[in-house]
Amino acid sequence: MIEERIETNELLDRLPPHLKQYIKPQNYDHYTPINQAVWRYVMRKNVAYLSQVAHESYVEGLQKTGISIDHIPSMYGMNRILKEIGWAAVAVDGFIPPNAFMEFQAYKVLVIASDIRQLENIEYTPAPDIIHEGAGHAPIIASPDYAEYLRRFGEIGAKAISSAHDMELYEAVRTLSILKEAEGTPDTKISEAENKVTELQHKKVTPSEIALIRNLHWWTVEYGLVGTVENPKIYGAGLLSSIGESVWCMQEEVEKKPYSIEAAYQDFDITKPQPQLYVTPDFAYLQEVLEEFANTMAVRKGGWRGLNKLIESKQLGTIEISTGLQISGVFSRMIRNEDNEVVYFETEGETALAYRETEVIGHGVSRHQNGFRSPLGKLKGINLAIENMGPRDLAAYNFYDGKPIEFEFESGIKVKGMNVTGMRNLKGELMLIQFTDCLVTYKDETLFSPEDGDFDMAVGKEIVSAFAGAADYLSFDLVAHQLSTLGDTKALSATEKALNSLYAQVRTIREEQPPAATIESNADTLNGIFKKVSEQFPNDWLLPLEVYELTGNEEVYDYLQQLKEKRASVAHLIDGGLQLLTKNQQVS
């Protein structure tokens, strides 16, 4: 049972419901002997090479994070070890939305797709899988500087505002990944999905914040190099988990550039090897660039541009105004003055108000089911914002609870109604005023009328921050994700069962102790397995390679050489495995 594999980690207990919805059981028993052989081949090949060219944290991190070269790791078992360095791991449902991915990182939780690539995709798969994420992302967090960069990146990235185009592309890529890894998907269906992704990728759009920060993520977390341009080391997970690209990236053909904020504006193509890579001098410098980029984001700049990004995104987002009041919802409209200052805004649908990331009591979605609207700015004629008024100022301008009032903003927006009550922030400033029988007008337009019910007016001069998601995630029901069947167990055919059985026998023989005596006593069995695979499964190359590893049988070696000629597409994989055996023999 999978429950027996789960190791508690308080970081997982702290995850909010909208993140927990993406977590999927690893179902370790679903991994077939062929899956285990794919993991072992990639890991042995990578570790032998990467120990020379990867950042020093990589090999050390494999041990610290509990990742075995010979066995697909149990991520929940990894939690016992990850706990020691302040992190946790969860299995997730393939591709998840970019902001959710970032938010997991902010909680110091590695998201790892539990699926594993099929043998025919051993070098690369478009779907996230455990080789990429478990063997790529996890080991490098053994470096404290890098681990803190990853956490901080998640914290900032989770606030990045996406566009409608981003979400459409995310859904298309997710669909493609599920179709490509699902057995028996018609080629026509895969082709349609690929064309959709290609079409969206090449569509000319202004890059959103999430698109730009995703570029930074790609050129650091996924494809980053560290050290000097002349002598770089690998730390990016995409390189650490790819047999081919970890070698390719070190070639002179791949341009090495000093890392800078310019990487945010460098697009990438996930279907091709990267023509250039960025080299950071150390992991601490990654944080400097990240903070530099964060200074360009709406979460720090606010203003009309920030609100406009939220309106264009058509996604749940939040603005914070100068009193600290936070409004979360889907923003639909703003009015600006001649200085481009926002003097009015609207949301549509469920909206919630918060202060310091906690919902203001009585101002959740049940009160604001049909949106929220409010003017902002200073009052006309007195050049003073309500938030800056002391008790005498409020009295002078007739701001009394239970009294009728009429006032006008510098923008020309007029408010007339019965002042019921106000709510104050921790500084004692008014941040919200409730009116009944209220009329709000701008020029010839009625923005709010008494028939609309109570009018809750946000108090603030300006928008100081705008970011993706809700200020208080508990304000909204954000659990709507449907788990895919990606990675679910499927009934194997008789042929698949037979081949997996042969893989399982070789695995058992290799793992019995003492190995030398076991292999010698099982020589006939291994030769029998080789005979079966060569006769019944003439396209399989990995099992004969495993048999040759154990026996050194010249007949198996000759067979592998013939298979290279017969299957040119896997010749380099066979050669890679044979070279690894030669190196091991030289070492021993």
Foldseek 3Di string as FASTA:
>chain_A
DLVVLADDDVLVVPDDPLLCLFFDRLPQVLQFLQLLLLQLLLLLLLCVPQCPFADVLQVVLCVQQVHDNRGQDRQNNSQVSVVVVPAGETAGQWQDQQLSCLQCLLSRYFYAHSFGAHPVQSQDALIGHRLLRVNAQRRNVSDVLQSVLSNVLSVLLNFFFAFQLSVQLSVLSSVLRQQVRDPPRDPVVNVVSVVSNVVSVPDDDDGGRNLLSVLLCCQPQAFDWEADQVRTGDRHSVLSRGSPQVVVCPDPQAHEAADASCSSVDDDDPVDRHRYHYYYHDSNVSVVRVVVSSCVGQQAAPFPVQLVSQQRRQAWKWWAFPQQKIKTARWHDFDADPVRFTFKTKHAAFMFIDGQLHTDPPGFRVVVGGIAMATAAAFPPPRHFQQPDDPVRCVVQPLDAQAWHWTAHPQGKIKTFHWHDFDHDPVRGTFKTKGAQMWIDHDPDTPDGNVVGIHIHGGHHHTRHMTHDGSHNVRDDSNDDDRDCVNPRDDDDPLVVVLSVLSVVLVVQCPDPPNLVSLVVCVVVLVVSVVCCVVPPVQDQSSLLSSCLSPVDVVSVVSNVVNCVVCVVCVVSSVSSVVSSVVVVVVD
